[in-house]
Amino acid sequence: MREKGKVLMIYTGGTIGMLPKEEGNPSSPLVPAEWEKLGRMVPALANLPILPTIHPMTLIDSSNMYPEYWIDIARVIRDNYDKYEGFVILHGTDTMTYTATALSFLLENLDKPVVLTGSQISISNARNDAVQNLVTSLMFASPKSFDLPLVPEVCICFNGVLLRGNRSRKVSSSGYSGFATPNYPILAEAGEHIKVNTKVIRGSAKKEEGFFINERLEQKVMVLDIFPGINPEILNKVFSIDGLRGVVLRTYGAGNAPTNKEFLKEIEKAITERKLAIVNVTQCTQGMVEMGLYDASADLLRLGVISGVDMTSEAALVKMMFLLGLGYDTETVKELVQRDLRGEQSVDVFNLVYKEGKAAQVCKLETRQLPAGFAKEKIVTANIRFDSVALHKDVSKGSIELAVFMDYPAADEKTDTKISQCLGEFVKTYDGTPVNMIFDCTSKFKQVVNPNRPVQITIVSRNGQPVEWKGVFISVYTSVEK
């Protein structure tokens, strides 16, 4: 006879465990109840081939969740890690995505399932979604007991689907399908049979590295929504908050924001004077930020706002808490936010950013080294953007004709026999108004780039017309698939 699988259930509160405050009075306010009362309402647990153990924490409404509580949950998992096959966390739905995201960063080298679940209706109600969510979560937490593939991630199990926690969003305040991952496939589906999508599951941690937890989160970060007519004074007041370290800026569409001077001035001050890390995520439920794709996001890119690609705002916020809590400086945080760490985003972003410049005919930009972790074979997209390109101030009409070359400086320039490779050419009619120019150089960039050598970019004015620009950006997106 197979030994029963062992699962630790960490009970934090939430609707799943709410009972009327006054016994016998169903109309009285709901309050978190002790598990001893709730467990008797789920007789199905006795028929499962697992042995669930309850670990009650301080019971709270999830609206009162806070970062120290996340760390307390992580400590419980650490202290019991070797005793159990997996973990189920009973949690309120309002902040479940925040907790799941936080745990995905706090739990290092995870190789066991950690499943958060809850319900829209209390387990005490005759018609509820609590029992199904709980039983299904226990099955995912003890895969050997049910002959299921291992899912060694922090997940959310709700209404028959298993979702990556740091990709999840709460999409309904009352419907049984309360959560979704609009930018990522579901990990598993539980109907008559349970089907696990093993292709999209992150691999287990390497055994030799060992499991441990991180125990510091920087809380002086915040989320700020852009809205039509936003007053720059609001930005000034927000960015001036004492000790503020980072801001998640929720913008329109593909990362667009106002382009008026007053708005941009506050963004620039926040980055250059207050040394804030500002991460751009979209207000849209689905899709991603593509900074520089439209003129309305070009200025943000030039000023140093960084792309959150397709992260949820919850993921971007908690990720900054995590990275700042590790003690990284702002520039390192800005670089690492754009790298996938726990499956929270679909691509890694590498930017080569050059400030304003001009070319009478030829302009060599500063030599740059691509950041560590750049993988040439994983390039998905590469593009070059010129911000506010103009001809000489005395020229009101003409043609802007630019070519961009890449080469690699030798240690001894006198013996350098390199041949520059053209990444692409721009041609645009000029009528006296500065223009933004962008082109896709993916195929050529893949051929030319050498991640192990410093990059030298040369800009040539093909027709000999003196040209100037506010900024040049090379943005490279690489796949995060393992």
Protein backbone atom coordinates (compact mmCIF):
# COMPACT_ATOMS: atom_id res chain seq x y z
CA MET A 1 0.00 0.00 0.00
CA ARG A 2 1.38 3.39 -1.00
CA GLU A 3 2.22 5.72 1.87
CA LYS A 4 -0.03 8.75 2.05
CA GLY A 5 1.42 11.94 0.65
CA LYS A 6 2.09 14.71 3.14
CA VAL A 7 0.90 18.23 2.44
CA LEU A 8 1.10 21.24 4.74
CA MET A 9 -1.92 23.53 4.58
CA ILE A 10 -1.03 27.06 5.69
CA TYR A 11 -4.22 28.81 6.74
CA THR A 12 -4.11 32.63 6.57
CA GLY A 13 -7.83 33.43 6.50
CA GLY A 14 -9.98 34.61 3.60
CA THR A 15 -13.50 33.95 2.40
CA ILE A 16 -12.87 30.22 2.20
CA GLY A 17 -12.78 30.08 6.01
CA MET A 18 -15.36 32.72 6.90
CA LEU A 19 -18.29 31.91 9.20
CA PRO A 20 -21.03 34.16 10.59
CA LYS A 21 -19.77 36.04 13.63
CA GLU A 22 -22.90 35.05 15.58
CA GLU A 23 -23.41 31.30 15.51
CA GLY A 24 -26.88 30.48 14.21
CA ASN A 25 -27.29 33.93 12.65
CA PRO A 26 -26.29 33.64 8.96
CA SER A 27 -26.93 37.34 8.37
CA SER A 28 -24.29 38.46 10.86
CA PRO A 29 -20.91 39.65 9.49
CA LEU A 30 -18.51 36.97 8.28
CA VAL A 31 -15.26 36.54 10.22
CA PRO A 32 -12.32 34.10 9.85
CA ALA A 33 -13.03 30.82 11.67
CA GLU A 34 -10.71 28.27 13.25
CA TRP A 35 -9.85 25.30 11.04
CA GLU A 36 -11.27 22.82 13.57
CA LYS A 37 -14.75 24.07 12.65
CA LEU A 38 -14.07 24.22 8.93
CA GLY A 39 -12.41 20.84 8.50
CA ARG A 40 -15.58 19.05 9.55
CA MET A 41 -17.33 20.65 6.59
CA VAL A 42 -15.07 18.88 4.07
CA PRO A 43 -15.59 15.13 4.58
CA ALA A 44 -13.97 14.51 1.18
CA LEU A 45 -10.57 15.12 2.78
CA ALA A 46 -10.81 11.79 4.61
CA ASN A 47 -11.06 9.94 1.29
CA LEU A 48 -7.93 11.41 -0.28
CA PRO A 49 -4.69 9.39 -0.45
CA ILE A 50 -2.86 12.21 1.33
CA LEU A 51 -2.36 13.35 4.88
CA PRO A 52 -2.93 17.10 5.07
CA THR A 53 -1.64 18.93 8.13
CA ILE A 54 -2.97 22.34 9.03
CA HIS A 55 -0.70 25.20 10.09
CA PRO A 56 -2.86 28.14 11.20
CA MET A 57 -1.33 31.61 11.08
CA THR A 58 -2.77 34.86 12.36
CA LEU A 59 -6.09 34.90 10.53
CA ILE A 60 -6.69 38.08 8.54
CA ASP A 61 -8.86 39.40 5.77
CA SER A 62 -6.54 39.44 2.76
CA SER A 63 -7.22 43.17 2.35
CA ASN A 64 -4.97 43.54 5.40
CA MET A 65 -2.10 41.54 3.87
CA TYR A 66 1.37 43.07 4.27
CA PRO A 67 4.97 42.21 3.26
CA GLU A 68 6.10 40.94 6.68
CA TYR A 69 3.29 38.38 6.51
CA TRP A 70 4.65 37.14 3.17
CA ILE A 71 8.01 36.61 4.82
CA ASP A 72 6.31 34.77 7.71
CA ILE A 73 4.68 32.39 5.19
CA ALA A 74 8.05 31.85 3.53
CA ARG A 75 9.57 31.00 6.91
CA VAL A 76 6.86 28.42 7.61
CA ILE A 77 7.62 26.78 4.27
CA ARG A 78 11.36 26.86 4.98
CA ASP A 79 10.96 25.34 8.44
CA ASN A 80 8.81 22.52 7.08
CA TYR A 81 10.33 22.11 3.63
CA ASP A 82 11.85 18.67 4.15
CA LYS A 83 8.79 17.24 5.91
CA TYR A 84 6.21 17.71 3.16
CA GLU A 85 5.73 16.92 -0.50
CA GLY A 86 4.02 20.22 -1.16
CA PHE A 87 2.23 23.20 0.37
CA VAL A 88 -1.27 24.64 0.06
CA ILE A 89 -1.93 28.19 1.25
CA LEU A 90 -5.52 29.12 2.08
CA HIS A 91 -5.82 32.82 1.31
CA GLY A 92 -8.34 35.55 0.59
CA THR A 93 -8.82 36.41 -3.06
CA ASP A 94 -8.31 40.20 -2.88
CA THR A 95 -4.52 40.08 -2.54
CA MET A 96 -3.83 36.49 -3.55
CA THR A 97 -1.90 37.53 -6.67
CA TYR A 98 0.39 39.76 -4.60
CA THR A 99 1.15 36.95 -2.15
CA ALA A 100 1.73 34.40 -4.91
CA THR A 101 4.08 36.82 -6.67
CA ALA A 102 5.96 37.65 -3.47
CA LEU A 103 6.48 33.97 -2.62
CA SER A 104 7.76 33.27 -6.13
CA PHE A 105 10.64 35.67 -5.37
CA LEU A 106 11.13 34.86 -1.70
CA LEU A 107 11.38 31.07 -2.21
CA GLU A 108 14.76 30.43 -3.78
CA ASN A 109 15.53 27.20 -5.69
CA LEU A 110 12.02 25.87 -5.23
CA ASP A 111 11.52 22.24 -6.30
CA LYS A 112 8.13 21.55 -4.70
CA PRO A 113 4.59 22.77 -5.42
CA VAL A 114 3.30 25.78 -3.50
CA VAL A 115 -0.38 26.28 -4.31
CA LEU A 116 -2.51 29.22 -3.19
CA THR A 117 -6.26 28.83 -3.19
CA GLY A 118 -9.37 30.33 -1.70
CA SER A 119 -12.96 30.79 -2.74
CA GLN A 120 -15.59 33.31 -3.67
CA ILE A 121 -18.12 31.66 -1.33
CA SER A 122 -17.41 30.38 2.19
CA ILE A 123 -16.90 26.67 2.76
CA SER A 124 -19.81 26.83 5.22
CA ASN A 125 -22.28 27.74 2.48
CA ALA A 126 -24.22 24.83 0.98
CA ARG A 127 -23.45 26.18 -2.51
CA ASN A 128 -19.77 27.02 -2.64
CA ASP A 129 -16.61 26.78 -4.74
CA ALA A 130 -14.39 26.24 -1.70
CA VAL A 131 -14.39 22.46 -1.52
CA GLN A 132 -13.48 21.95 -5.19
CA ASN A 133 -10.69 24.55 -5.00
CA LEU A 134 -9.26 23.02 -1.83
CA VAL A 135 -9.36 19.39 -2.96
CA THR A 136 -7.89 20.19 -6.39
CA SER A 137 -5.12 22.25 -4.80
CA LEU A 138 -4.21 19.36 -2.51
CA MET A 139 -3.94 17.10 -5.55
CA PHE A 140 -1.48 19.43 -7.27
CA ALA A 141 0.48 19.73 -4.01
CA SER A 142 0.91 15.95 -3.79
CA PRO A 143 1.46 14.89 -7.41
CA LYS A 144 2.87 11.45 -6.63
CA SER A 145 -0.31 10.50 -4.79
CA PHE A 146 -2.38 11.21 -7.92
CA ASP A 147 0.14 10.25 -10.63
CA LEU A 148 0.41 13.84 -11.81
CA PRO A 149 3.46 15.66 -13.21
CA LEU A 150 5.31 17.81 -10.69
CA VAL A 151 4.68 21.57 -10.92
CA PRO A 152 7.53 23.09 -8.84
CA GLU A 153 6.18 26.62 -8.88
CA VAL A 154 4.18 29.04 -6.78
CA CYS A 155 0.73 28.71 -8.32
CA ILE A 156 -2.88 29.74 -7.89
CA CYS A 157 -5.52 27.04 -8.18
CA PHE A 158 -9.02 28.34 -8.78
CA ASN A 159 -12.11 26.96 -10.48
CA GLY A 160 -10.38 24.00 -12.10
CA VAL A 161 -7.30 25.76 -13.48
CA LEU A 162 -3.74 26.00 -12.20
CA LEU A 163 -2.05 29.32 -12.96
CA ARG A 164 1.46 30.67 -12.54
CA GLY A 165 1.17 32.88 -9.48
CA ASN A 166 3.25 35.82 -10.65
CA ARG A 167 1.37 35.97 -13.96
CA SER A 168 -2.07 35.94 -12.36
CA ARG A 169 -4.64 38.70 -12.14
CA LYS A 170 -7.92 38.76 -10.28
CA VAL A 171 -10.47 39.25 -13.03
CA SER A 172 -13.77 38.86 -11.18
CA SER A 173 -14.90 39.97 -7.75
CA SER A 174 -17.62 37.34 -7.51
CA GLY A 175 -17.50 34.81 -10.36
CA TYR A 176 -16.07 31.36 -9.74
CA SER A 177 -13.46 31.99 -12.45
CA GLY A 178 -11.89 34.66 -10.33
CA PHE A 179 -8.35 34.53 -11.76
CA ALA A 180 -6.62 34.36 -15.13
CA THR A 181 -3.20 34.75 -16.72
CA PRO A 182 -3.98 36.79 -19.87
CA ASN A 183 -0.35 36.79 -21.04
CA TYR A 184 0.52 33.18 -20.25
CA PRO A 185 -1.04 29.73 -20.81
CA ILE A 186 -2.65 27.89 -17.91
CA LEU A 187 -0.37 25.33 -16.26
CA ALA A 188 -3.08 22.70 -15.79
CA GLU A 189 -6.79 22.15 -16.16
CA ALA A 190 -8.89 19.99 -13.87
CA GLY A 191 -12.11 18.70 -15.37
CA GLU A 192 -13.12 15.06 -15.45
CA HIS A 193 -9.39 14.45 -15.86
CA ILE A 194 -6.45 16.62 -14.83
CA LYS A 195 -4.29 17.72 -17.75
CA VAL A 196 -0.94 19.34 -16.97
CA ASN A 197 0.74 21.44 -19.67
CA THR A 198 4.30 20.32 -18.95
CA LYS A 199 5.69 22.47 -21.80
CA VAL A 200 5.04 25.73 -19.93
CA ILE A 201 6.15 24.67 -16.44
CA ARG A 202 9.41 25.97 -15.06
CA GLY A 203 12.01 23.34 -14.29
CA SER A 204 12.90 22.24 -10.76
CA ALA A 205 15.80 23.84 -8.96
CA LYS A 206 19.18 22.18 -9.14
CA LYS A 207 19.51 19.91 -6.13
CA GLU A 208 23.06 20.94 -5.33
CA GLU A 209 22.07 24.59 -4.91
CA GLY A 210 19.59 23.91 -2.13
CA PHE A 211 16.37 25.62 -1.06
CA PHE A 212 16.47 28.82 0.96
CA ILE A 213 14.38 31.93 1.40
CA ASN A 214 14.98 35.64 1.03
CA GLU A 215 13.80 37.67 4.00
CA ARG A 216 14.00 41.31 2.97
CA LEU A 217 11.59 43.41 0.93
CA GLU A 218 11.88 47.16 0.34
CA GLN A 219 8.45 48.64 1.01
CA LYS A 220 9.06 52.21 -0.18
CA VAL A 221 7.72 51.56 -3.66
CA MET A 222 4.37 52.35 -5.21
CA VAL A 223 2.08 52.08 -8.24
CA LEU A 224 0.90 55.20 -10.09
CA ASP A 225 -1.73 55.25 -12.83
CA ILE A 226 -1.50 57.73 -15.69
CA PHE A 227 -4.85 59.29 -16.60
CA PRO A 228 -5.99 62.00 -19.03
CA GLY A 229 -5.25 65.42 -17.59
CA ILE A 230 -2.93 64.21 -14.85
CA ASN A 231 -1.43 67.24 -13.16
CA PRO A 232 2.40 67.31 -13.11
CA GLU A 233 2.16 68.67 -9.56
CA ILE A 234 0.76 65.31 -8.54
CA LEU A 235 3.85 63.63 -9.95
CA ASN A 236 6.06 66.10 -8.13
CA LYS A 237 4.37 65.38 -4.80
CA VAL A 238 4.43 61.62 -5.31
CA PHE A 239 8.05 61.48 -6.44
CA SER A 240 9.04 63.68 -3.47
CA ILE A 241 7.81 61.16 -0.87
CA ASP A 242 10.60 60.77 1.65
CA GLY A 243 12.60 57.59 1.06
CA LEU A 244 10.71 56.51 -2.06
CA ARG A 245 12.86 54.07 -4.07
CA GLY A 246 10.77 52.89 -6.99
CA VAL A 247 7.55 53.53 -8.93
CA VAL A 248 5.51 51.30 -11.21
CA LEU A 249 4.01 53.64 -13.81
CA ARG A 250 0.83 52.20 -15.35
CA THR A 251 0.57 53.75 -18.80
CA TYR A 252 -1.68 53.46 -21.83
CA GLY A 253 -1.55 50.76 -24.48
CA ALA A 254 1.96 49.73 -25.44
CA GLY A 255 3.52 52.00 -22.81
CA ASN A 256 2.40 55.44 -23.91
CA ALA A 257 2.16 58.53 -21.70
CA PRO A 258 1.69 62.31 -22.06
CA THR A 259 4.40 64.09 -24.00
CA ASN A 260 3.96 67.63 -22.63
CA LYS A 261 7.08 69.27 -21.21
CA GLU A 262 5.75 69.65 -17.66
CA PHE A 263 4.97 65.93 -17.36
CA LEU A 264 8.31 64.86 -18.80
CA LYS A 265 10.19 67.32 -16.60
CA GLU A 266 8.85 65.60 -13.47
CA ILE A 267 9.78 62.17 -14.83
CA GLU A 268 13.29 63.41 -15.60
CA LYS A 269 13.75 64.93 -12.13
CA ALA A 270 12.55 61.73 -10.49
CA ILE A 271 15.14 59.67 -12.36
CA THR A 272 18.13 62.02 -12.46
CA GLU A 273 17.78 63.93 -9.18
CA ARG A 274 15.85 61.56 -6.91
CA LYS A 275 17.41 58.41 -8.40
CA LEU A 276 14.10 56.56 -8.61
CA ALA A 277 13.64 53.36 -10.57
CA ILE A 278 10.52 53.83 -12.72
CA VAL A 279 9.06 50.77 -14.44
CA ASN A 280 6.55 51.12 -17.27
CA VAL A 281 3.67 48.59 -17.40
CA THR A 282 0.46 48.75 -19.37
CA GLN A 283 -2.98 49.38 -17.95
CA CYS A 284 -4.32 46.85 -20.45
CA THR A 285 -5.22 43.38 -19.24
CA GLN A 286 -3.42 41.73 -22.15
CA GLY A 287 -0.37 42.68 -24.18
CA MET A 288 2.95 44.28 -23.38
CA VAL A 289 4.88 47.54 -23.20
CA GLU A 290 6.99 48.24 -26.29
CA MET A 291 8.79 51.45 -25.47
CA GLY A 292 9.76 53.50 -28.50
CA LEU A 293 7.23 51.81 -30.75
CA TYR A 294 5.13 55.00 -30.65
CA ASP A 295 6.29 58.58 -30.22
CA ALA A 296 4.24 58.80 -27.01
CA SER A 297 6.66 56.45 -25.24
CA ALA A 298 9.92 57.57 -26.88
CA ASP A 299 10.53 60.35 -24.35
CA LEU A 300 10.09 57.94 -21.43
CA LEU A 301 12.72 55.68 -22.97
CA ARG A 302 15.10 58.58 -23.49
CA LEU A 303 14.68 59.77 -19.90
CA GLY A 304 15.48 56.35 -18.43
CA VAL A 305 12.10 54.80 -17.69
CA ILE A 306 12.47 51.04 -18.04
CA SER A 307 10.18 48.52 -19.67
CA GLY A 308 8.09 46.11 -17.61
CA VAL A 309 7.23 44.29 -20.88
CA ASP A 310 4.20 42.07 -20.06
CA MET A 311 4.48 41.90 -16.27
CA THR A 312 1.38 42.54 -14.22
CA SER A 313 1.57 45.64 -12.06
CA GLU A 314 1.60 43.32 -9.02
CA ALA A 315 4.63 41.48 -10.39
CA ALA A 316 6.49 44.69 -11.27
CA LEU A 317 5.85 46.16 -7.82
CA VAL A 318 6.87 43.06 -5.84
CA LYS A 319 9.86 42.45 -8.10
CA MET A 320 11.18 45.92 -7.24
CA MET A 321 10.52 45.27 -3.54
CA PHE A 322 12.56 42.07 -3.87
CA LEU A 323 15.50 43.51 -5.82
CA LEU A 324 15.77 46.64 -3.68
CA GLY A 325 15.49 44.45 -0.59
CA LEU A 326 18.51 42.49 -1.75
CA GLY A 327 20.50 45.71 -1.52
CA TYR A 328 21.09 46.39 -5.21
CA ASP A 329 21.63 49.98 -6.25
CA THR A 330 19.07 51.68 -8.49
CA GLU A 331 20.96 51.12 -11.75
CA THR A 332 21.34 47.39 -11.08
CA VAL A 333 17.68 47.16 -10.13
CA LYS A 334 16.70 48.86 -13.39
CA GLU A 335 18.76 46.34 -15.33
CA LEU A 336 17.45 43.28 -13.46
CA VAL A 337 13.79 44.36 -13.60
CA GLN A 338 14.01 43.83 -17.35
CA ARG A 339 15.26 40.23 -16.91
CA ASP A 340 13.00 37.28 -16.25
CA LEU A 341 13.77 35.87 -12.79
CA ARG A 342 10.80 33.62 -11.95
CA GLY A 343 8.78 33.30 -15.13
CA GLU A 344 7.06 36.65 -14.51
CA GLN A 345 7.67 38.00 -18.03
CA SER A 346 7.89 36.62 -21.57
CA VAL A 347 11.12 38.23 -22.77
CA ASP A 348 14.32 39.73 -21.44
CA VAL A 349 15.06 43.30 -22.52
CA PHE A 350 18.54 44.63 -23.27
CA ASN A 351 18.91 48.31 -24.12
CA LEU A 352 21.84 50.24 -25.51
CA VAL A 353 20.96 53.86 -24.81
CA TYR A 354 22.88 56.80 -26.27
CA LYS A 355 22.18 60.43 -25.47
CA GLU A 356 21.91 63.32 -27.90
CA GLY A 357 24.44 63.66 -30.68
CA LYS A 358 25.11 64.95 -34.17
CA ALA A 359 26.83 63.85 -37.35
CA ALA A 360 28.31 66.22 -39.89
CA GLN A 361 28.94 63.05 -41.82
CA VAL A 362 30.18 60.33 -39.45
CA CYS A 363 29.53 59.95 -35.69
CA LYS A 364 31.00 57.19 -33.54
CA LEU A 365 28.95 56.59 -30.39
CA GLU A 366 30.43 55.51 -27.07
CA THR A 367 31.62 51.92 -26.87
CA ARG A 368 29.20 49.78 -24.85
CA GLN A 369 29.25 46.24 -23.47
CA LEU A 370 26.08 44.18 -23.63
CA PRO A 371 24.95 43.21 -20.09
CA ALA A 372 25.75 39.81 -18.62
CA GLY A 373 23.17 37.18 -19.48
CA PHE A 374 22.65 38.30 -23.06
CA ALA A 375 22.14 35.26 -25.30
CA LYS A 376 22.54 35.82 -29.03
CA GLU A 377 20.73 32.61 -29.94
CA LYS A 378 17.60 33.75 -28.07
CA ILE A 379 17.11 37.07 -29.88
CA VAL A 380 13.46 37.59 -30.76
CA THR A 381 13.48 41.22 -31.91
CA ALA A 382 16.00 44.03 -32.28
CA ASN A 383 15.22 47.56 -33.35
CA ILE A 384 16.95 50.91 -33.57
CA ARG A 385 15.21 54.17 -32.82
CA PHE A 386 16.30 57.77 -33.34
CA ASP A 387 14.52 60.33 -31.18
CA SER A 388 13.85 63.85 -32.56
CA VAL A 389 16.08 63.79 -35.63
CA ALA A 390 16.62 67.11 -37.39
CA LEU A 391 18.83 68.66 -40.04
CA HIS A 392 20.88 71.78 -39.37
CA LYS A 393 18.81 74.68 -37.97
CA ASP A 394 19.30 76.63 -41.20
CA VAL A 395 17.75 73.82 -43.27
CA SER A 396 13.96 73.83 -43.50
CA LYS A 397 13.54 71.16 -46.18
CA GLY A 398 15.53 68.19 -47.29
CA SER A 399 16.10 64.51 -46.76
CA ILE A 400 17.40 62.66 -43.71
CA GLU A 401 19.45 59.67 -44.85
CA LEU A 402 21.17 57.75 -42.07
CA ALA A 403 22.99 54.42 -41.96
CA VAL A 404 23.88 52.58 -38.76
CA PHE A 405 26.97 50.37 -38.55
CA MET A 406 28.23 48.04 -35.85
CA ASP A 407 31.81 46.97 -35.29
CA TYR A 408 34.09 45.91 -32.45
CA PRO A 409 37.04 48.08 -31.40
CA ALA A 410 40.30 46.19 -31.11
CA ALA A 411 42.51 46.49 -28.04
CA ASP A 412 45.06 48.22 -30.27
CA GLU A 413 43.27 50.49 -32.73
CA LYS A 414 46.37 50.59 -34.98
CA THR A 415 46.12 46.86 -35.70
CA ASP A 416 42.34 46.75 -35.96
CA THR A 417 41.33 45.34 -39.35
CA LYS A 418 37.62 45.13 -38.58
CA ILE A 419 35.01 45.68 -41.26
CA SER A 420 31.88 47.51 -40.07
CA GLN A 421 28.55 45.78 -40.67
CA CYS A 422 25.52 47.83 -41.67
CA LEU A 423 22.50 47.22 -39.42
CA GLY A 424 20.16 49.29 -41.57
CA GLU A 425 19.39 52.57 -43.26
CA PHE A 426 16.86 55.36 -42.69
CA VAL A 427 15.49 57.65 -45.36
CA LYS A 428 12.87 60.23 -44.43
CA THR A 429 11.65 63.52 -45.91
CA TYR A 430 12.35 66.49 -43.65
CA ASP A 431 10.11 69.58 -43.50
CA GLY A 432 11.74 71.46 -40.65
CA THR A 433 10.02 69.50 -37.85
CA PRO A 434 12.11 66.96 -35.88
CA VAL A 435 11.05 63.36 -36.57
CA ASN A 436 11.34 60.07 -34.72
CA MET A 437 12.66 57.16 -36.76
CA ILE A 438 12.57 53.44 -36.01
CA PHE A 439 13.47 50.33 -37.96
CA ASP A 440 13.70 46.61 -37.34
CA CYS A 441 17.24 45.25 -37.54
CA THR A 442 16.59 41.80 -36.07
CA SER A 443 18.10 39.60 -38.76
CA LYS A 444 21.22 41.73 -39.25
CA PHE A 445 21.75 42.21 -35.51
CA LYS A 446 21.65 38.43 -35.00
CA GLN A 447 24.36 38.00 -37.62
CA VAL A 448 26.67 40.74 -36.42
CA VAL A 449 26.44 40.92 -32.61
CA ASN A 450 29.11 39.31 -30.48
CA PRO A 451 27.99 39.29 -26.80
CA ASN A 452 31.56 38.88 -25.59
CA ARG A 453 32.93 42.05 -27.16
CA PRO A 454 32.17 45.76 -26.63
CA VAL A 455 29.81 47.23 -29.20
CA GLN A 456 30.78 50.25 -31.31
CA ILE A 457 27.96 51.99 -33.17
CA THR A 458 28.74 54.36 -36.02
CA ILE A 459 26.13 56.65 -37.60
CA VAL A 460 26.69 57.98 -41.10
CA SER A 461 24.81 60.75 -42.87
CA ARG A 462 24.56 59.25 -46.34
CA ASN A 463 23.91 62.48 -48.20
CA GLY A 464 26.41 64.54 -46.22
CA GLN A 465 23.72 66.65 -44.55
CA PRO A 466 24.60 67.53 -40.90
CA VAL A 467 22.12 65.68 -38.68
CA GLU A 468 21.40 65.87 -34.94
CA TRP A 469 19.22 63.82 -32.59
CA LYS A 470 18.11 63.71 -28.95
CA GLY A 471 18.81 60.03 -28.46
CA VAL A 472 19.57 56.70 -30.11
CA PHE A 473 18.23 53.45 -28.67
CA ILE A 474 18.93 49.86 -29.62
CA SER A 475 16.39 47.60 -27.93
CA VAL A 476 16.87 43.85 -28.04
CA TYR A 477 14.32 41.33 -26.81
CA THR A 478 15.40 37.77 -26.09
CA SER A 479 13.30 34.70 -25.34
CA VAL A 480 13.15 33.44 -21.75
CA GLU A 481 12.26 29.87 -22.71
CA LYS A 482 14.55 27.40 -21.02
